[in-house]
Amino acid sequence: AGSYAYVADGISGLHVIEVSDPTNCARVGGYDPPGTAFAVAVSGNYAYVADYDAGLQIIDVSDPTNCVRGGGWATTA
């Protein structure tokens, strides 16, 4: 999405990678959700993280260096 790649990295959470120079990528931010980040989709200023047993986490990525939880939906086990 733009100059950033958003990566779901299991127990390590969500990583935001600056990719404007593909030869010099760098992690600039991220978010550690309560579960295991399984997949991610980005739309506008939000990353939607499938967080395994913890459900859906909606992360505000408007400032990629300071990602914060904006909401979510809990699943039941």
Protein backbone atom coordinates (compact mmCIF):
# COMPACT_ATOMS: atom_id res chain seq x y z
CA ALA A 1 0.00 0.00 0.00
CA GLY A 2 1.84 3.08 -1.21
CA SER A 3 5.40 3.08 0.11
CA TYR A 4 4.69 0.42 2.74
CA ALA A 5 4.30 -3.35 2.90
CA TYR A 6 2.19 -4.74 5.74
CA VAL A 7 3.26 -8.20 6.89
CA ALA A 8 1.37 -10.58 9.19
CA ASP A 9 4.14 -12.43 11.04
CA GLY A 10 2.48 -14.92 13.37
CA ILE A 11 3.32 -14.42 17.03
CA SER A 12 5.51 -11.43 16.08
CA GLY A 13 2.39 -9.51 15.00
CA LEU A 14 2.01 -6.93 12.26
CA HIS A 15 5.10 -5.34 10.71
CA VAL A 16 5.14 -2.18 8.59
CA ILE A 17 8.01 -2.19 6.12
CA GLU A 18 8.99 0.95 4.17
CA VAL A 19 9.60 -0.23 0.59
CA SER A 20 9.96 2.97 -1.44
CA ASP A 21 13.56 1.88 -2.18
CA PRO A 22 13.33 -1.88 -2.76
CA THR A 23 17.09 -2.24 -2.33
CA ASN A 24 16.93 -0.74 1.17
CA CYS A 25 13.71 -1.88 2.91
CA ALA A 26 13.32 -1.06 6.59
CA ARG A 27 10.83 -1.86 9.34
CA VAL A 28 9.30 1.43 10.50
CA GLY A 29 6.52 0.26 12.78
CA GLY A 30 4.08 -2.42 13.70
CA TYR A 31 1.56 -3.71 16.19
CA ASP A 32 1.60 -6.76 18.47
CA PRO A 33 -1.97 -8.10 18.60
CA PRO A 34 -3.14 -10.41 21.39
CA GLY A 35 -3.22 -13.51 19.16
CA THR A 36 -1.28 -14.75 16.17
CA ALA A 37 -1.32 -12.50 13.10
CA PHE A 38 -2.34 -14.85 10.31
CA ALA A 39 -3.23 -12.51 7.43
CA VAL A 40 -3.59 -8.80 6.72
CA ALA A 41 -5.47 -6.57 4.28
CA VAL A 42 -5.03 -2.80 4.07
CA SER A 43 -7.67 -0.28 3.04
CA GLY A 44 -7.12 3.44 3.49
CA ASN A 45 -5.73 4.14 6.96
CA TYR A 46 -6.59 0.72 8.39
CA ALA A 47 -4.98 -2.70 8.42
CA TYR A 48 -7.38 -5.56 9.03
CA VAL A 49 -5.51 -8.37 10.76
CA ALA A 50 -6.85 -11.91 11.01
CA ASP A 51 -5.60 -12.66 14.50
CA TYR A 52 -6.27 -16.41 14.70
CA ASP A 53 -8.20 -17.19 17.94
CA ALA A 54 -8.32 -13.49 18.91
CA GLY A 55 -10.53 -12.60 15.91
CA LEU A 56 -10.23 -9.51 13.77
CA GLN A 57 -7.99 -6.64 14.83
CA ILE A 58 -8.46 -3.28 13.10
CA ILE A 59 -5.24 -1.30 13.27
CA ASP A 60 -4.99 2.41 12.47
CA VAL A 61 -1.90 2.75 10.28
CA SER A 62 -2.35 6.42 9.36
CA ASP A 63 1.03 6.94 11.07
CA PRO A 64 2.99 3.81 10.10
CA THR A 65 5.55 4.53 12.82
CA ASN A 66 2.84 4.52 15.52
CA CYS A 67 0.20 1.90 14.72
CA VAL A 68 -2.68 1.70 17.21
CA ARG A 69 -5.69 -0.58 17.58
CA GLY A 70 -8.83 1.09 16.32
CA GLY A 71 -11.26 -1.73 17.03
CA GLY A 72 -12.00 -5.29 16.21
CA TRP A 73 -14.28 -8.28 16.53
CA ALA A 74 -13.70 -11.16 18.92
CA THR A 75 -14.31 -14.70 17.81
CA THR A 76 -15.32 -17.48 20.13
CA ALA A 77 -13.29 -20.61 20.51
